[in-house]
């Protein structure tokens, strides 16, 4: 379950604390309007805190400096295009890839869906991982491919 909340800091803190006490497993995303609010909201129990104005500023700057990159990212993030999409798949108990190198995955899939990153259970991320990276239970593979390729991978990974 996921909770997304936009509010003033005192109200936001109250909502995050309430949501966390009602459901310890909920994934909470909250909004902060100032940098100093981020730590407080996280301490209250939010998993992620966003600052939309800051994100918009970064996006606008990137559009000005690298418009082709933004166009590409828009295509793969919006989910409306079949040519490329990005998906996060968690390595489940029945996955044939547990404790095997990434090269095993690549050989089995003929590189149909590219592994952009591995998000480890300890919170670390390996971007553009090499074939010698070992895939562990509960790692999250960030994959890029067509919707068809990604759907095919779901059964093997989860």
N, C-alpha and C. Protein backbone atom coordinates (compact mmCIF):
# COMPACT_ATOMS: atom_id res chain seq x y z
N UNK A 1 0.84 -1.17 0.00
CA UNK A 1 0.00 0.00 0.00
C UNK A 1 0.89 1.24 0.00
N UNK A 2 0.44 2.27 -0.68
CA UNK A 2 1.22 3.50 -0.78
C UNK A 2 0.36 4.68 -0.36
N UNK A 3 0.97 5.60 0.36
CA UNK A 3 0.28 6.83 0.72
C UNK A 3 1.06 8.01 0.19
N UNK A 4 0.38 8.92 -0.47
CA UNK A 4 1.01 10.14 -0.98
C UNK A 4 0.31 11.30 -0.33
N UNK A 5 1.07 12.24 0.24
CA UNK A 5 0.45 13.33 0.97
C UNK A 5 1.12 14.66 0.64
N UNK A 6 0.28 15.68 0.41
CA UNK A 6 0.75 17.04 0.24
C UNK A 6 0.09 17.89 1.33
N UNK A 7 0.90 18.62 2.11
CA UNK A 7 0.32 19.39 3.22
C UNK A 7 1.36 20.35 3.81
N UNK A 8 0.90 21.23 4.69
CA UNK A 8 1.80 22.10 5.45
C UNK A 8 2.55 21.22 6.45
N UNK A 9 3.74 21.64 6.85
CA UNK A 9 4.62 20.79 7.66
C UNK A 9 3.96 20.22 8.92
N UNK A 10 3.32 21.02 9.79
CA UNK A 10 2.73 20.41 10.99
C UNK A 10 1.65 19.38 10.65
N UNK A 11 0.83 19.68 9.67
CA UNK A 11 -0.22 18.75 9.27
C UNK A 11 0.40 17.51 8.63
N UNK A 12 1.41 17.74 7.81
CA UNK A 12 2.09 16.63 7.15
C UNK A 12 2.71 15.68 8.18
N UNK A 13 3.36 16.22 9.17
CA UNK A 13 3.96 15.40 10.22
C UNK A 13 2.89 14.57 10.93
N UNK A 14 1.77 15.19 11.24
CA UNK A 14 0.68 14.49 11.90
C UNK A 14 0.14 13.35 11.03
N UNK A 15 -0.05 13.62 9.75
CA UNK A 15 -0.58 12.60 8.83
C UNK A 15 0.41 11.45 8.67
N UNK A 16 1.69 11.77 8.52
CA UNK A 16 2.70 10.72 8.37
C UNK A 16 2.76 9.87 9.64
N UNK A 17 2.79 10.50 10.79
CA UNK A 17 2.81 9.76 12.06
C UNK A 17 1.57 8.88 12.21
N UNK A 18 0.42 9.41 11.85
CA UNK A 18 -0.83 8.65 11.95
C UNK A 18 -0.83 7.48 11.00
N UNK A 19 -0.44 7.72 9.76
CA UNK A 19 -0.42 6.64 8.76
C UNK A 19 0.54 5.54 9.18
N UNK A 20 1.72 5.93 9.66
CA UNK A 20 2.72 4.94 10.07
C UNK A 20 2.21 4.12 11.25
N UNK A 21 1.52 4.76 12.20
CA UNK A 21 1.02 4.01 13.37
C UNK A 21 -0.13 3.08 12.97
N UNK A 22 -0.93 3.48 11.98
CA UNK A 22 -2.04 2.63 11.54
C UNK A 22 -1.56 1.45 10.69
N UNK A 23 -0.50 1.68 9.90
CA UNK A 23 0.02 0.62 9.03
C UNK A 23 1.53 0.75 8.93
N UNK A 24 2.25 -0.02 9.72
CA UNK A 24 3.72 0.06 9.71
C UNK A 24 4.36 -0.30 8.36
N UNK A 25 3.62 -1.00 7.50
CA UNK A 25 4.17 -1.45 6.22
C UNK A 25 3.85 -0.52 5.05
N UNK A 26 3.08 0.52 5.28
CA UNK A 26 2.70 1.42 4.19
C UNK A 26 3.92 2.17 3.67
N UNK A 27 3.97 2.38 2.36
CA UNK A 27 5.05 3.17 1.75
C UNK A 27 4.53 4.60 1.65
N UNK A 28 5.14 5.50 2.38
CA UNK A 28 4.64 6.87 2.48
C UNK A 28 5.53 7.82 1.69
N UNK A 29 4.91 8.59 0.81
CA UNK A 29 5.58 9.65 0.06
C UNK A 29 4.93 10.97 0.49
N UNK A 30 5.75 11.90 0.92
CA UNK A 30 5.23 13.19 1.38
C UNK A 30 5.93 14.32 0.64
N UNK A 31 5.33 15.49 0.71
CA UNK A 31 5.85 16.68 0.04
C UNK A 31 6.38 17.66 1.08
N UNK A 32 7.53 18.23 0.78
CA UNK A 32 8.07 19.29 1.63
C UNK A 32 8.22 20.54 0.78
N UNK A 33 7.98 21.68 1.38
CA UNK A 33 8.15 22.92 0.63
C UNK A 33 9.50 23.57 0.92
N UNK A 34 10.15 23.11 1.99
CA UNK A 34 11.47 23.64 2.34
C UNK A 34 12.41 22.50 2.69
N UNK A 35 13.68 22.73 2.43
CA UNK A 35 14.73 21.72 2.67
C UNK A 35 14.73 21.26 4.12
N UNK A 36 14.54 22.16 5.07
CA UNK A 36 14.61 21.79 6.48
C UNK A 36 13.47 20.88 6.93
N UNK A 37 12.40 20.80 6.16
CA UNK A 37 11.28 19.93 6.50
C UNK A 37 11.52 18.47 6.14
N UNK A 38 12.44 18.22 5.23
CA UNK A 38 12.67 16.85 4.74
C UNK A 38 13.07 15.91 5.88
N UNK A 39 14.06 16.29 6.67
CA UNK A 39 14.54 15.43 7.76
C UNK A 39 13.43 15.17 8.78
N UNK A 40 12.64 16.19 9.09
CA UNK A 40 11.56 16.02 10.06
C UNK A 40 10.51 15.05 9.55
N UNK A 41 10.15 15.17 8.29
CA UNK A 41 9.11 14.29 7.72
C UNK A 41 9.62 12.86 7.64
N UNK A 42 10.89 12.68 7.29
CA UNK A 42 11.46 11.32 7.25
C UNK A 42 11.51 10.73 8.66
N UNK A 43 11.89 11.55 9.63
CA UNK A 43 11.95 11.07 11.01
C UNK A 43 10.56 10.66 11.51
N UNK A 44 9.52 11.33 11.01
CA UNK A 44 8.15 10.99 11.39
C UNK A 44 7.70 9.66 10.78
N UNK A 45 8.43 9.20 9.72
CA UNK A 45 8.09 7.89 9.17
C UNK A 45 7.86 7.83 7.68
N UNK A 46 8.04 8.95 6.96
CA UNK A 46 7.88 8.91 5.50
C UNK A 46 9.06 8.17 4.88
N UNK A 47 8.77 7.35 3.87
CA UNK A 47 9.83 6.64 3.16
C UNK A 47 10.56 7.57 2.20
N UNK A 48 9.82 8.42 1.55
CA UNK A 48 10.38 9.36 0.58
C UNK A 48 9.73 10.72 0.79
N UNK A 49 10.52 11.75 0.57
CA UNK A 49 10.02 13.12 0.65
C UNK A 49 10.45 13.84 -0.62
N UNK A 50 9.52 14.52 -1.24
CA UNK A 50 9.80 15.22 -2.48
C UNK A 50 9.58 16.71 -2.32
N UNK A 51 10.30 17.46 -3.11
CA UNK A 51 10.12 18.91 -3.19
C UNK A 51 9.80 19.24 -4.65
N UNK A 52 8.51 19.29 -5.01
CA UNK A 52 8.11 19.47 -6.41
C UNK A 52 8.72 20.68 -7.09
N UNK A 53 8.86 21.79 -6.39
CA UNK A 53 9.43 22.98 -7.01
C UNK A 53 10.90 22.74 -7.40
N UNK A 54 11.63 22.03 -6.56
CA UNK A 54 13.02 21.72 -6.85
C UNK A 54 13.11 20.76 -8.04
N UNK A 55 12.25 19.76 -8.08
CA UNK A 55 12.23 18.81 -9.19
C UNK A 55 11.91 19.52 -10.49
N UNK A 56 10.94 20.42 -10.45
CA UNK A 56 10.58 21.17 -11.65
C UNK A 56 11.74 22.03 -12.13
N UNK A 57 12.47 22.62 -11.21
CA UNK A 57 13.63 23.43 -11.57
C UNK A 57 14.71 22.61 -12.25
N UNK A 58 15.00 21.43 -11.70
CA UNK A 58 15.98 20.54 -12.33
C UNK A 58 15.53 20.12 -13.72
N UNK A 59 14.25 19.80 -13.83
CA UNK A 59 13.70 19.37 -15.11
C UNK A 59 13.81 20.48 -16.15
N UNK A 60 13.47 21.69 -15.77
CA UNK A 60 13.55 22.82 -16.71
C UNK A 60 15.00 23.08 -17.13
N UNK A 61 15.93 23.00 -16.19
CA UNK A 61 17.34 23.22 -16.52
C UNK A 61 17.84 22.14 -17.48
N UNK A 62 17.44 20.89 -17.24
CA UNK A 62 17.86 19.80 -18.12
C UNK A 62 17.23 19.95 -19.50
N UNK A 63 15.98 20.40 -19.54
CA UNK A 63 15.33 20.65 -20.84
C UNK A 63 16.12 21.68 -21.65
N UNK A 64 16.63 22.69 -20.98
CA UNK A 64 17.38 23.74 -21.67
C UNK A 64 18.75 23.25 -22.12
N UNK A 65 19.40 22.44 -21.28
CA UNK A 65 20.77 22.01 -21.57
C UNK A 65 20.85 20.73 -22.41
N UNK A 66 19.89 19.82 -22.20
CA UNK A 66 19.90 18.52 -22.90
C UNK A 66 18.49 18.13 -23.33
N UNK A 67 17.91 18.85 -24.28
CA UNK A 67 16.52 18.57 -24.65
C UNK A 67 16.29 17.15 -25.20
N UNK A 68 17.24 16.59 -25.92
CA UNK A 68 17.07 15.24 -26.46
C UNK A 68 17.00 14.20 -25.34
N UNK A 69 17.74 14.43 -24.26
CA UNK A 69 17.71 13.51 -23.12
C UNK A 69 16.33 13.53 -22.48
N UNK A 70 15.77 14.71 -22.30
CA UNK A 70 14.44 14.83 -21.70
C UNK A 70 13.40 14.18 -22.60
N UNK A 71 13.50 14.39 -23.90
CA UNK A 71 12.56 13.75 -24.83
C UNK A 71 12.62 12.24 -24.70
N UNK A 72 13.83 11.68 -24.62
CA UNK A 72 14.00 10.24 -24.46
C UNK A 72 13.39 9.77 -23.15
N UNK A 73 13.69 10.45 -22.05
CA UNK A 73 13.16 10.06 -20.75
C UNK A 73 11.64 10.14 -20.72
N UNK A 74 11.07 11.15 -21.36
CA UNK A 74 9.62 11.27 -21.42
C UNK A 74 8.99 10.08 -22.12
N UNK A 75 9.65 9.59 -23.18
CA UNK A 75 9.13 8.43 -23.93
C UNK A 75 9.11 7.19 -23.05
N UNK A 76 10.19 6.94 -22.30
CA UNK A 76 10.25 5.70 -21.54
C UNK A 76 9.53 5.77 -20.20
N UNK A 77 9.30 6.95 -19.68
CA UNK A 77 8.65 7.07 -18.38
C UNK A 77 7.14 7.15 -18.49
N UNK A 78 6.61 7.72 -19.57
CA UNK A 78 5.16 7.96 -19.62
C UNK A 78 4.33 6.70 -19.80
N UNK A 79 4.94 5.57 -20.20
CA UNK A 79 4.21 4.32 -20.32
C UNK A 79 3.27 4.21 -21.50
N UNK A 80 3.23 5.22 -22.35
CA UNK A 80 2.32 5.22 -23.50
C UNK A 80 2.98 4.66 -24.75
N UNK A 81 4.27 4.44 -24.70
CA UNK A 81 5.01 3.97 -25.86
C UNK A 81 5.45 2.53 -25.66
N UNK A 82 5.29 1.72 -26.69
CA UNK A 82 5.69 0.32 -26.59
C UNK A 82 7.17 0.11 -26.87
N UNK A 83 7.81 1.09 -27.54
CA UNK A 83 9.18 0.85 -27.95
C UNK A 83 10.15 0.69 -26.78
N UNK A 84 10.00 1.45 -25.72
CA UNK A 84 10.87 1.30 -24.55
C UNK A 84 10.13 1.72 -23.29
N UNK A 85 10.33 0.94 -22.25
CA UNK A 85 9.80 1.29 -20.94
C UNK A 85 10.80 0.85 -19.89
N UNK A 86 10.69 1.43 -18.71
CA UNK A 86 11.56 1.06 -17.60
C UNK A 86 10.69 0.47 -16.50
N UNK A 87 11.18 -0.62 -15.92
CA UNK A 87 10.43 -1.30 -14.88
C UNK A 87 11.37 -1.71 -13.76
N UNK A 88 10.84 -1.80 -12.56
CA UNK A 88 11.58 -2.27 -11.40
C UNK A 88 11.01 -3.62 -11.01
N UNK A 89 11.82 -4.66 -11.01
CA UNK A 89 11.36 -5.99 -10.64
C UNK A 89 12.21 -6.52 -9.48
N UNK A 90 11.52 -6.96 -8.45
CA UNK A 90 12.19 -7.48 -7.25
C UNK A 90 12.47 -8.97 -7.42
N UNK A 91 13.68 -9.38 -7.07
CA UNK A 91 14.07 -10.78 -7.14
C UNK A 91 13.36 -11.54 -6.02
N UNK A 92 12.43 -12.40 -6.41
CA UNK A 92 11.62 -13.15 -5.45
C UNK A 92 12.20 -14.50 -5.12
N UNK A 93 11.56 -15.19 -4.17
CA UNK A 93 12.03 -16.50 -3.68
C UNK A 93 12.13 -17.55 -4.78
N UNK A 94 11.26 -17.48 -5.78
CA UNK A 94 11.26 -18.52 -6.82
C UNK A 94 12.09 -18.13 -8.04
N UNK A 95 12.82 -17.02 -7.97
CA UNK A 95 13.61 -16.58 -9.11
C UNK A 95 14.78 -17.52 -9.38
N UNK A 96 14.98 -17.82 -10.65
CA UNK A 96 16.12 -18.67 -11.04
C UNK A 96 17.44 -17.90 -11.03
N UNK A 97 17.40 -16.60 -10.77
CA UNK A 97 18.61 -15.78 -10.82
C UNK A 97 19.28 -15.57 -9.47
N UNK A 98 18.66 -16.04 -8.38
CA UNK A 98 19.22 -15.83 -7.05
C UNK A 98 20.62 -16.45 -6.95
N UNK A 99 21.55 -15.66 -6.42
CA UNK A 99 22.94 -16.07 -6.19
C UNK A 99 23.67 -16.44 -7.48
N UNK A 100 23.26 -15.87 -8.57
CA UNK A 100 23.94 -16.09 -9.85
C UNK A 100 24.44 -14.75 -10.37
N UNK A 101 25.47 -14.78 -11.20
CA UNK A 101 25.97 -13.52 -11.75
C UNK A 101 25.00 -12.95 -12.79
N UNK A 102 25.08 -11.66 -12.98
CA UNK A 102 24.23 -11.00 -13.96
C UNK A 102 24.45 -11.58 -15.36
N UNK A 103 25.64 -12.09 -15.63
CA UNK A 103 25.90 -12.70 -16.94
C UNK A 103 24.98 -13.90 -17.19
N UNK A 104 24.56 -14.60 -16.13
CA UNK A 104 23.60 -15.71 -16.28
C UNK A 104 22.27 -15.17 -16.78
N UNK A 105 21.81 -14.08 -16.17
CA UNK A 105 20.57 -13.42 -16.62
C UNK A 105 20.70 -13.02 -18.08
N UNK A 106 21.81 -12.39 -18.42
CA UNK A 106 22.01 -11.90 -19.79
C UNK A 106 22.01 -13.04 -20.80
N UNK A 107 22.61 -14.18 -20.44
CA UNK A 107 22.65 -15.33 -21.34
C UNK A 107 21.25 -15.94 -21.51
N UNK A 108 20.48 -15.97 -20.42
CA UNK A 108 19.15 -16.56 -20.46
C UNK A 108 18.16 -15.71 -21.25
N UNK A 109 18.35 -14.42 -21.22
CA UNK A 109 17.37 -13.50 -21.83
C UNK A 109 17.83 -12.96 -23.18
N UNK A 110 19.04 -13.33 -23.58
CA UNK A 110 19.61 -12.82 -24.82
C UNK A 110 19.58 -11.29 -24.86
N UNK A 111 19.78 -10.70 -23.67
CA UNK A 111 19.83 -9.23 -23.53
C UNK A 111 18.58 -8.54 -24.02
N UNK A 112 17.42 -9.21 -23.99
CA UNK A 112 16.20 -8.59 -24.49
C UNK A 112 15.76 -7.40 -23.64
N UNK A 113 15.93 -7.47 -22.34
CA UNK A 113 15.62 -6.35 -21.45
C UNK A 113 16.92 -5.99 -20.73
N UNK A 114 17.41 -4.81 -20.96
CA UNK A 114 18.70 -4.38 -20.41
C UNK A 114 18.58 -4.06 -18.92
N UNK A 115 19.57 -4.46 -18.16
CA UNK A 115 19.63 -4.14 -16.73
C UNK A 115 20.38 -2.81 -16.60
N UNK A 116 19.66 -1.78 -16.21
CA UNK A 116 20.26 -0.46 -16.03
C UNK A 116 20.93 -0.32 -14.67
N UNK A 117 20.35 -0.99 -13.66
CA UNK A 117 20.88 -0.87 -12.30
C UNK A 117 20.37 -2.03 -11.46
N UNK A 118 21.08 -2.26 -10.37
CA UNK A 118 20.64 -3.20 -9.34
C UNK A 118 20.54 -2.41 -8.04
N UNK A 119 19.35 -2.38 -7.46
CA UNK A 119 19.15 -1.77 -6.15
C UNK A 119 19.23 -2.88 -5.12
N UNK A 120 20.23 -2.80 -4.26
CA UNK A 120 20.48 -3.84 -3.26
C UNK A 120 19.57 -3.64 -2.05
N UNK A 121 19.37 -4.71 -1.32
CA UNK A 121 18.54 -4.68 -0.12
C UNK A 121 19.13 -3.74 0.94
N UNK A 122 20.46 -3.53 0.92
CA UNK A 122 21.10 -2.64 1.89
C UNK A 122 20.96 -1.16 1.51
N UNK A 123 20.28 -0.87 0.38
CA UNK A 123 20.07 0.51 -0.03
C UNK A 123 21.07 1.01 -1.05
N UNK A 124 22.12 0.24 -1.30
CA UNK A 124 23.11 0.67 -2.31
C UNK A 124 22.59 0.36 -3.71
N UNK A 125 23.14 1.07 -4.69
CA UNK A 125 22.75 0.89 -6.08
C UNK A 125 23.98 0.71 -6.93
N UNK A 126 23.93 -0.27 -7.79
CA UNK A 126 24.99 -0.50 -8.76
C UNK A 126 24.43 -0.11 -10.13
N UNK A 127 24.90 1.02 -10.66
CA UNK A 127 24.44 1.52 -11.95
C UNK A 127 25.28 0.89 -13.06
N UNK A 128 24.63 0.51 -14.15
CA UNK A 128 25.29 -0.13 -15.29
C UNK A 128 26.17 -1.29 -14.82
N UNK A 129 25.53 -2.27 -14.14
CA UNK A 129 26.31 -3.36 -13.54
C UNK A 129 26.96 -4.26 -14.57
N UNK A 130 28.11 -4.79 -14.22
CA UNK A 130 28.83 -5.73 -15.08
C UNK A 130 28.30 -7.14 -14.91
N UNK A 131 28.69 -8.02 -15.79
CA UNK A 131 28.23 -9.40 -15.77
C UNK A 131 28.62 -10.19 -14.54
N UNK A 132 29.65 -9.73 -13.81
CA UNK A 132 30.11 -10.46 -12.63
C UNK A 132 29.32 -10.11 -11.36
N UNK A 133 28.40 -9.13 -11.43
CA UNK A 133 27.59 -8.75 -10.27
C UNK A 133 26.65 -9.91 -9.91
N UNK A 134 26.64 -10.31 -8.64
CA UNK A 134 25.79 -11.40 -8.18
C UNK A 134 24.40 -10.83 -7.85
N UNK A 135 23.37 -11.53 -8.31
CA UNK A 135 21.98 -11.14 -8.04
C UNK A 135 21.52 -11.86 -6.78
N UNK A 136 21.02 -11.10 -5.82
CA UNK A 136 20.61 -11.64 -4.53
C UNK A 136 19.10 -11.56 -4.35
N UNK A 137 18.59 -12.39 -3.46
CA UNK A 137 17.18 -12.35 -3.09
C UNK A 137 16.83 -10.93 -2.62
N UNK A 138 15.71 -10.41 -3.07
CA UNK A 138 15.19 -9.09 -2.73
C UNK A 138 15.91 -7.92 -3.39
N UNK A 139 16.93 -8.20 -4.21
CA UNK A 139 17.50 -7.12 -5.03
C UNK A 139 16.40 -6.66 -5.98
N UNK A 140 16.49 -5.44 -6.43
CA UNK A 140 15.56 -4.93 -7.43
C UNK A 140 16.34 -4.61 -8.69
N UNK A 141 15.95 -5.24 -9.79
CA UNK A 141 16.58 -4.95 -11.07
C UNK A 141 15.80 -3.84 -11.74
N UNK A 142 16.49 -2.82 -12.20
CA UNK A 142 15.88 -1.76 -12.98
C UNK A 142 16.14 -2.13 -14.43
N UNK A 143 15.07 -2.49 -15.14
CA UNK A 143 15.17 -3.02 -16.49
C UNK A 143 14.60 -2.05 -17.51
N UNK A 144 15.16 -2.06 -18.71
CA UNK A 144 14.63 -1.27 -19.81
C UNK A 144 14.41 -2.21 -20.99
N UNK A 145 13.21 -2.16 -21.54
CA UNK A 145 12.88 -2.99 -22.69
C UNK A 145 11.48 -2.66 -23.17
N UNK A 146 11.00 -3.43 -24.12
CA UNK A 146 9.61 -3.24 -24.57
C UNK A 146 8.69 -3.81 -23.51
N UNK A 147 7.44 -3.43 -23.53
CA UNK A 147 6.46 -3.94 -22.57
C UNK A 147 6.42 -5.46 -22.64
N UNK A 148 6.45 -6.00 -23.84
CA UNK A 148 6.41 -7.47 -24.04
C UNK A 148 7.63 -8.14 -23.37
N UNK A 149 8.82 -7.58 -23.58
CA UNK A 149 10.03 -8.13 -22.98
C UNK A 149 9.96 -8.07 -21.45
N UNK A 150 9.47 -6.96 -20.93
CA UNK A 150 9.40 -6.79 -19.48
C UNK A 150 8.38 -7.74 -18.86
N UNK A 151 7.25 -7.94 -19.53
CA UNK A 151 6.24 -8.87 -19.02
C UNK A 151 6.78 -10.29 -18.99
N UNK A 152 7.56 -10.66 -20.00
CA UNK A 152 8.17 -11.98 -20.07
C UNK A 152 9.12 -12.20 -18.87
N UNK A 153 9.81 -11.14 -18.48
CA UNK A 153 10.80 -11.25 -17.40
C UNK A 153 10.15 -11.37 -16.02
N UNK A 154 8.93 -10.88 -15.86
CA UNK A 154 8.29 -10.87 -14.56
C UNK A 154 8.22 -12.26 -13.96
N UNK A 155 7.82 -13.25 -14.72
CA UNK A 155 7.71 -14.62 -14.21
C UNK A 155 9.05 -15.20 -13.80
N UNK A 156 10.11 -14.86 -14.50
CA UNK A 156 11.42 -15.41 -14.20
C UNK A 156 12.09 -14.74 -13.00
N UNK A 157 11.75 -13.49 -12.78
CA UNK A 157 12.45 -12.71 -11.75
C UNK A 157 11.73 -12.76 -10.42
N UNK A 158 10.42 -12.64 -10.43
CA UNK A 158 9.67 -12.52 -9.17
C UNK A 158 9.33 -13.85 -8.54
